[in-house]
Amino acid sequence: MRINELSYIDHISGWNIKDLSIERLTLLVGASGVGKTQILRTILNIAKIAQGSSFNGVEWKIKFQIDDSQYEWSGCFDSVIENDVNYFDKNDNHYSIVHENLIVNGERIFERDDSKIIFNEKETVKLDVSKSAIELLKEEELIAPVYKGFAQIYQLNNENRSIRISPLVRENRDQIKDVATVHDSKFLSPTEKLFILRKNGLNEFNVIVNLFKEIFPLVEGVDFSNERFFDGSFVPILKIKERGVESWILQHEISSGMFRTLSQITILTLAQDGDVVLIDEFENGLGVNCIDKLASQILNSENDIQIIVTSHHPYIINSIPFKKWKIVIRNEGNVRVLKASDLNIGEHSRHEAFLQLV
């Protein structure tokens, strides 16, 4: 999947972004609080709508590409005034879809209002008004690729400091034997994915370890050991071996920067064609040596993936061509996203481009 353009309005909060164009690699830059992180959340929200989630007063339009087909999907939920909203219960609420449309290569696949869905020029039976037609019709041949495409949008969660491999992984690890299944297993943390690669002898484990060793030359090895937990059970624990240090360093003693770097390398190495990877504040917790190598991994990815990054760090911003920058500005709830050329940034040199951005 490749997102080309999106618009999103939250009629309840007043959040409004229009006609944001997105490249294969997009760097969102701008002052703190202008909405860079919110843009990533917006993309995740649209993906959640495709998978059946319901949002109060949200209106969206997104243009995207899957293989050689061009899609445009738009819709709007009803706006409901709620005076007493419980933060922990709000995701359980259901709001009706007022209208929804999907167009493929200029032809309408379905259209919907609050009373019916016309799919492939035929009216369907009565279906759940709070779920998108993409979720409801996901088994249909025309809709299945769209549903799968939105399932490939995810945010890179850089680390999971839990030292225990979850029971779910231990129970199912014999069924997760190939790289594609590891990639598709959304419930797995990066550490758990790394563990399954190691257990099944998959070459991607060696690729990840070698990249990690390039960033941290003192590291001689990465592995897992069975350690006794407080309840008497034995569980696999991540460990690394450093040159000149006799004993292995267990997961809870690994520095946060090293652990986060290993997590990012794992997810980016496992990324598959069609993935849309969102990375918020890429540089957080990373040293300069980590940032440089990880930025290079993003820029030189061999897979056909789309990456959308937010950052404030000069190393990241300077390493990404200014033509890939999207400069985010905001006036109250209205967000505008400008290209560098809109502000005459980068006409002479990359160094000048960064100074102009500042």
Protein backbone atom coordinates (compact mmCIF):
# COMPACT_ATOMS: atom_id res chain seq x y z
CA MET A 1 0.00 0.00 0.00
CA ARG A 2 1.13 3.55 -0.67
CA ILE A 3 -0.72 6.57 0.77
CA ASN A 4 -0.73 9.52 -1.63
CA GLU A 5 -2.97 12.14 -0.03
CA LEU A 6 -5.35 12.51 2.89
CA SER A 7 -7.79 14.92 4.52
CA TYR A 8 -9.26 14.51 7.99
CA ILE A 9 -11.70 16.57 10.03
CA ASP A 10 -12.70 15.93 13.63
CA HIS A 11 -15.91 17.94 13.99
CA ILE A 12 -15.93 17.42 17.76
CA SER A 13 -12.40 18.64 18.59
CA GLY A 14 -12.02 21.01 15.64
CA TRP A 15 -8.89 19.22 14.36
CA ASN A 16 -8.72 19.81 10.60
CA ILE A 17 -6.10 18.79 8.05
CA LYS A 18 -6.66 19.03 4.31
CA ASP A 19 -4.91 17.62 1.26
CA LEU A 20 -1.74 16.34 2.91
CA SER A 21 0.40 14.78 0.19
CA ILE A 22 2.69 11.96 1.31
CA GLU A 23 5.77 10.57 -0.42
CA ARG A 24 7.44 7.18 -0.15
CA LEU A 25 9.57 8.83 2.55
CA THR A 26 8.02 11.80 4.33
CA LEU A 27 9.62 13.79 7.15
CA LEU A 28 7.19 15.91 9.18
CA VAL A 29 8.99 18.88 10.74
CA GLY A 30 7.84 21.96 12.64
CA ALA A 31 7.63 23.49 16.08
CA SER A 32 6.44 21.44 19.05
CA GLY A 33 2.67 21.29 19.37
CA VAL A 34 1.80 22.08 15.74
CA GLY A 35 0.37 18.62 15.06
CA LYS A 36 3.11 16.32 13.73
CA THR A 37 2.25 13.51 16.14
CA GLN A 38 -1.45 14.13 15.57
CA ILE A 39 -0.96 13.53 11.85
CA LEU A 40 0.46 10.09 12.61
CA ARG A 41 -2.51 9.42 14.91
CA THR A 42 -4.83 10.53 12.09
CA ILE A 43 -3.31 7.94 9.74
CA LEU A 44 -3.68 5.27 12.43
CA ASN A 45 -7.30 6.33 13.02
CA ILE A 46 -8.14 5.96 9.34
CA ALA A 47 -6.57 2.49 9.38
CA LYS A 48 -8.65 1.64 12.47
CA ILE A 49 -11.82 2.82 10.71
CA ALA A 50 -11.04 0.43 7.85
CA GLN A 51 -10.83 -2.35 10.45
CA GLY A 52 -14.16 -1.56 12.11
CA SER A 53 -13.49 1.17 14.67
CA SER A 54 -15.97 4.00 15.16
CA PHE A 55 -15.12 7.67 15.83
CA ASN A 56 -17.47 10.44 16.85
CA GLY A 57 -17.79 13.25 14.27
CA VAL A 58 -14.85 12.19 12.12
CA GLU A 59 -14.75 12.86 8.37
CA TRP A 60 -12.00 11.51 6.12
CA LYS A 61 -10.77 11.19 2.56
CA ILE A 62 -7.68 9.24 1.58
CA LYS A 63 -6.10 8.52 -1.78
CA PHE A 64 -3.80 5.51 -2.00
CA GLN A 65 -2.30 2.97 -4.34
CA ILE A 66 -2.20 -0.82 -4.16
CA ASP A 67 -0.16 -2.46 -6.93
CA ASP A 68 -1.21 -0.61 -10.09
CA SER A 69 -4.67 0.46 -8.87
CA GLN A 70 -5.54 3.94 -7.62
CA TYR A 71 -8.09 4.20 -4.79
CA GLU A 72 -10.06 7.00 -3.15
CA TRP A 73 -11.95 6.22 0.05
CA SER A 74 -14.02 8.80 1.90
CA GLY A 75 -16.64 8.85 4.61
CA CYS A 76 -18.10 10.60 7.64
CA PHE A 77 -19.43 9.54 11.03
CA ASP A 78 -22.37 11.24 12.69
CA SER A 79 -21.50 13.90 15.29
CA VAL A 80 -22.93 13.25 18.74
CA ILE A 81 -22.70 15.82 21.54
CA GLU A 82 -21.54 14.02 24.67
CA ASN A 83 -21.46 15.94 27.92
CA ASP A 84 -20.06 13.15 30.07
CA VAL A 85 -17.38 11.11 28.30
CA ASN A 86 -15.48 8.45 30.22
CA TYR A 87 -11.92 8.23 28.85
CA PHE A 88 -11.71 4.48 29.47
CA ASP A 89 -15.08 3.69 27.87
CA LYS A 90 -15.02 6.02 24.87
CA ASN A 91 -13.60 3.41 22.49
CA ASP A 92 -16.63 1.20 23.17
CA ASN A 93 -19.06 3.77 21.77
CA HIS A 94 -20.58 3.27 18.34
CA TYR A 95 -21.35 6.11 15.96
CA SER A 96 -23.29 5.81 12.72
CA ILE A 97 -21.65 6.35 9.34
CA VAL A 98 -23.51 9.09 7.46
CA HIS A 99 -21.88 8.46 4.09
CA GLU A 100 -19.00 6.41 2.66
CA ASN A 101 -17.57 5.82 -0.82
CA LEU A 102 -14.81 3.76 -2.40
CA ILE A 103 -13.59 4.51 -5.93
CA VAL A 104 -11.04 2.36 -7.78
CA ASN A 105 -9.43 3.62 -10.98
CA GLY A 106 -12.31 6.05 -11.43
CA GLU A 107 -15.06 3.46 -10.91
CA ARG A 108 -17.27 3.45 -7.82
CA ILE A 109 -17.08 0.13 -5.97
CA PHE A 110 -19.49 1.02 -3.19
CA GLU A 111 -21.45 3.97 -1.94
CA ARG A 112 -23.32 4.27 1.30
CA ASP A 113 -25.61 6.49 3.28
CA ASP A 114 -27.10 6.03 6.73
CA SER A 115 -29.70 3.56 5.44
CA LYS A 116 -28.08 1.34 2.77
CA ILE A 117 -24.89 0.20 1.03
CA ILE A 118 -24.73 -0.16 -2.75
CA PHE A 119 -21.88 -2.57 -3.56
CA ASN A 120 -21.02 -3.38 -7.15
CA GLU A 121 -24.28 -1.68 -8.21
CA LYS A 122 -26.39 -3.89 -5.94
CA GLU A 123 -27.89 -3.08 -2.54
CA THR A 124 -26.60 -5.28 0.28
CA VAL A 125 -28.57 -6.63 3.19
CA LYS A 126 -28.80 -4.42 6.27
CA LEU A 127 -25.34 -4.18 7.87
CA ASP A 128 -23.83 -2.59 10.97
CA VAL A 129 -24.06 1.20 10.52
CA SER A 130 -21.13 1.85 12.87
CA LYS A 131 -18.56 -0.17 10.88
CA SER A 132 -16.93 0.80 7.62
CA ALA A 133 -17.98 -1.04 4.48
CA ILE A 134 -14.34 -2.09 4.09
CA GLU A 135 -14.62 -4.03 7.36
CA LEU A 136 -18.08 -5.38 6.52
CA LEU A 137 -17.18 -6.48 2.98
CA LYS A 138 -13.56 -7.49 3.58
CA GLU A 139 -14.14 -11.04 2.27
CA GLU A 140 -15.22 -9.70 -1.13
CA GLU A 141 -12.58 -9.97 -3.87
CA LEU A 142 -12.74 -6.25 -4.70
CA ILE A 143 -12.39 -5.18 -1.05
CA ALA A 144 -9.91 -7.75 0.34
CA PRO A 145 -6.77 -5.98 -0.99
CA VAL A 146 -7.93 -2.69 0.56
CA TYR A 147 -8.55 -4.31 3.95
CA LYS A 148 -5.13 -5.99 3.82
CA GLY A 149 -3.50 -2.70 2.79
CA PHE A 150 -4.83 -0.80 5.80
CA ALA A 151 -3.72 -3.66 8.06
CA GLN A 152 -0.15 -2.93 6.92
CA ILE A 153 -0.18 0.53 8.52
CA TYR A 154 1.49 0.50 11.92
CA GLN A 155 3.50 2.68 14.25
CA LEU A 156 6.97 1.59 15.22
CA ASN A 157 6.93 1.18 18.99
CA ASN A 158 10.59 1.44 19.69
CA GLU A 159 10.99 -0.69 22.74
CA ASN A 160 9.31 -3.07 25.11
CA ARG A 161 11.24 -3.33 28.36
CA SER A 162 9.24 -6.30 29.63
CA ILE A 163 11.82 -8.98 30.37
CA ARG A 164 9.41 -11.87 30.08
CA ILE A 165 8.35 -13.44 26.78
CA SER A 166 4.55 -13.46 26.98
CA PRO A 167 2.65 -16.75 27.52
CA LEU A 168 0.91 -16.14 24.19
CA VAL A 169 4.25 -16.32 22.39
CA ARG A 170 5.39 -19.40 24.31
CA GLU A 171 2.13 -21.18 23.48
CA ASN A 172 2.15 -20.26 19.77
CA ARG A 173 5.82 -20.06 18.90
CA ASP A 174 5.80 -23.47 17.18
CA GLN A 175 3.15 -22.15 14.76
CA ILE A 176 5.17 -18.99 13.97
CA LYS A 177 7.98 -20.37 11.85
CA ASP A 178 8.44 -18.10 8.84
CA VAL A 179 9.34 -14.43 8.48
CA ALA A 180 5.98 -13.45 6.96
CA THR A 181 4.10 -14.88 9.96
CA VAL A 182 6.44 -13.13 12.39
CA HIS A 183 5.87 -9.86 10.51
CA ASP A 184 2.08 -10.28 10.47
CA SER A 185 1.86 -11.13 14.20
CA LYS A 186 0.85 -7.71 15.51
CA PHE A 187 0.70 -8.91 19.13
CA LEU A 188 4.44 -9.58 19.21
CA SER A 189 6.87 -7.03 20.63
CA PRO A 190 10.18 -6.50 18.76
CA THR A 191 11.95 -8.60 21.42
CA GLU A 192 9.50 -11.45 20.96
CA LYS A 193 9.88 -11.29 17.18
CA LEU A 194 13.66 -11.43 17.58
CA PHE A 195 13.30 -14.44 19.89
CA ILE A 196 11.20 -16.35 17.35
CA LEU A 197 13.69 -15.57 14.57
CA ARG A 198 16.49 -16.93 16.77
CA LYS A 199 14.57 -20.03 17.84
CA ASN A 200 13.68 -20.99 14.26
CA GLY A 201 17.14 -20.28 12.87
CA LEU A 202 15.86 -17.68 10.39
CA ASN A 203 18.55 -15.70 8.59
CA GLU A 204 16.91 -12.35 9.47
CA PHE A 205 18.18 -12.87 13.03
CA ASN A 206 21.77 -12.74 11.76
CA VAL A 207 21.00 -9.70 9.59
CA ILE A 208 19.62 -7.84 12.61
CA VAL A 209 22.54 -8.81 14.85
CA ASN A 210 25.11 -7.76 12.24
CA LEU A 211 23.44 -4.36 11.79
CA PHE A 212 23.38 -3.97 15.58
CA LYS A 213 27.09 -4.80 15.81
CA GLU A 214 27.90 -2.20 13.13
CA ILE A 215 26.34 0.47 15.35
CA PHE A 216 27.86 -0.90 18.57
CA PRO A 217 31.30 -2.33 17.64
CA LEU A 218 31.93 -3.55 21.21
CA VAL A 219 29.02 -6.00 20.94
CA GLU A 220 30.19 -9.52 20.09
CA GLY A 221 26.88 -11.35 20.24
CA VAL A 222 23.12 -11.20 20.79
CA ASP A 223 21.20 -14.20 22.09
CA PHE A 224 18.58 -15.47 24.53
CA SER A 225 19.05 -17.54 27.67
CA ASN A 226 16.62 -19.47 29.83
CA GLU A 227 16.42 -17.74 33.22
CA ARG A 228 14.44 -18.83 36.27
CA PHE A 229 11.55 -16.43 36.97
CA PHE A 230 10.21 -15.66 40.46
CA ASP A 231 7.44 -18.27 40.10
CA GLY A 232 9.98 -21.02 39.34
CA SER A 233 9.36 -21.12 35.59
CA PHE A 234 12.15 -20.75 33.04
CA VAL A 235 11.72 -18.00 30.47
CA PRO A 236 13.87 -16.77 27.55
CA ILE A 237 15.63 -13.47 28.30
CA LEU A 238 17.45 -11.28 25.78
CA LYS A 239 21.18 -10.89 26.44
CA ILE A 240 24.19 -9.32 24.73
CA LYS A 241 27.93 -10.02 24.96
CA GLU A 242 30.42 -7.15 24.90
CA ARG A 243 34.12 -7.39 24.16
CA GLY A 244 36.20 -7.32 27.33
CA VAL A 245 33.23 -8.13 29.59
CA GLU A 246 33.30 -11.71 30.87
CA SER A 247 29.60 -12.24 31.54
CA TRP A 248 26.61 -11.64 29.28
CA ILE A 249 24.49 -8.54 29.91
CA LEU A 250 20.84 -9.42 30.53
CA GLN A 251 17.95 -7.44 29.10
CA HIS A 252 17.14 -5.33 32.15
CA GLU A 253 20.78 -4.13 32.24
CA ILE A 254 20.99 -3.17 28.54
CA SER A 255 21.05 0.60 27.99
CA SER A 256 17.80 2.14 26.74
CA GLY A 257 19.54 3.49 23.61
CA MET A 258 20.91 0.06 22.69
CA PHE A 259 17.58 -1.62 23.37
CA ARG A 260 15.61 0.92 21.35
CA THR A 261 18.09 0.62 18.47
CA LEU A 262 17.72 -3.17 18.46
CA SER A 263 13.93 -2.80 18.43
CA GLN A 264 14.00 -0.41 15.46
CA ILE A 265 16.41 -2.57 13.47
CA THR A 266 14.20 -5.60 14.08
CA ILE A 267 11.00 -3.94 12.86
CA LEU A 268 12.63 -2.26 9.84
CA THR A 269 14.39 -5.49 8.81
CA LEU A 270 11.11 -7.41 8.95
CA ALA A 271 9.13 -4.76 7.03
CA GLN A 272 7.54 -6.15 3.87
CA ASP A 273 6.42 -4.63 0.59
CA GLY A 274 3.31 -2.51 1.09
CA ASP A 275 3.99 -1.62 4.73
CA VAL A 276 3.36 1.94 5.89
CA VAL A 277 5.61 2.55 8.91
CA LEU A 278 5.02 5.54 11.20
CA ILE A 279 7.88 6.70 13.45
CA ASP A 280 7.26 9.48 15.97
CA GLU A 281 10.27 11.49 17.24
CA PHE A 282 12.69 9.08 15.68
CA GLU A 283 15.69 10.32 17.68
CA ASN A 284 14.27 9.90 21.21
CA GLY A 285 16.72 8.08 23.47
CA LEU A 286 19.25 7.47 20.68
CA GLY A 287 22.87 8.55 20.52
CA VAL A 288 24.39 10.17 17.43
CA ASN A 289 26.01 6.86 16.37
CA CYS A 290 22.59 5.16 16.43
CA ILE A 291 20.74 7.95 14.64
CA ASP A 292 23.13 8.00 11.69
CA LYS A 293 22.95 4.25 11.01
CA LEU A 294 19.20 3.97 11.56
CA ALA A 295 18.55 6.93 9.28
CA SER A 296 20.66 5.17 6.64
CA GLN A 297 18.59 2.00 7.08
CA ILE A 298 15.42 4.00 6.45
CA LEU A 299 16.80 5.81 3.42
CA ASN A 300 18.25 2.67 1.82
CA SER A 301 15.47 0.17 2.52
CA GLU A 302 15.37 -2.53 -0.15
CA ASN A 303 11.67 -3.17 0.40
CA ASP A 304 8.84 -1.21 -1.19
CA ILE A 305 7.69 0.39 2.04
CA GLN A 306 6.45 3.86 2.93
CA ILE A 307 7.91 5.59 5.98
CA ILE A 308 6.49 8.69 7.65
CA VAL A 309 8.73 10.19 10.33
CA THR A 310 8.58 13.11 12.74
CA SER A 311 11.79 14.60 14.10
CA HIS A 312 13.45 17.67 15.58
CA HIS A 313 17.02 16.38 15.36
CA PRO A 314 19.48 18.01 12.92
CA TYR A 315 21.08 14.64 12.10
CA ILE A 316 17.74 13.23 10.93
CA ILE A 317 16.58 16.37 9.17
CA ASN A 318 19.90 16.90 7.38
CA SER A 319 20.11 13.25 6.29
CA ILE A 320 16.72 13.37 4.54
CA PRO A 321 16.52 15.38 1.27
CA PHE A 322 14.65 18.64 1.83
CA LYS A 323 12.26 17.73 -0.99
CA LYS A 324 10.91 15.05 1.37
CA TRP A 325 10.22 17.57 4.16
CA LYS A 326 6.65 18.47 5.05
CA ILE A 327 6.60 21.59 7.23
CA VAL A 328 3.66 21.53 9.62
CA ILE A 329 2.09 24.78 10.83
CA ARG A 330 -1.14 25.32 12.75
CA ASN A 331 -3.67 28.04 13.43
CA GLU A 332 -5.95 26.84 16.25
CA GLY A 333 -7.33 23.50 14.99
CA ASN A 334 -6.49 24.14 11.34
CA VAL A 335 -3.30 22.43 10.23
CA ARG A 336 -1.42 23.28 7.05
CA VAL A 337 1.40 21.17 5.66
CA LEU A 338 3.79 22.92 3.27
CA LYS A 339 6.56 21.65 1.02
CA ALA A 340 10.03 23.13 1.38
CA SER A 341 9.61 24.75 -2.01
CA ASP A 342 6.49 26.58 -0.78
CA LEU A 343 8.77 28.49 1.59
CA ASN A 344 11.70 28.74 -0.84
CA ILE A 345 13.75 26.45 1.38
CA GLY A 346 16.79 24.64 -0.04
CA GLU A 347 17.36 26.60 -3.22
CA HIS A 348 21.15 26.64 -2.81
CA SER A 349 22.42 24.00 -0.35
CA ARG A 350 21.34 21.41 2.18
CA HIS A 351 23.05 23.32 5.00
CA GLU A 352 21.22 26.48 3.99
CA ALA A 353 17.96 24.50 3.88
CA PHE A 354 18.31 23.47 7.53
CA LEU A 355 19.15 27.02 8.62
CA GLN A 356 16.11 28.30 6.73
CA LEU A 357 13.96 25.68 8.41
CA VAL A 358 15.21 26.74 11.83
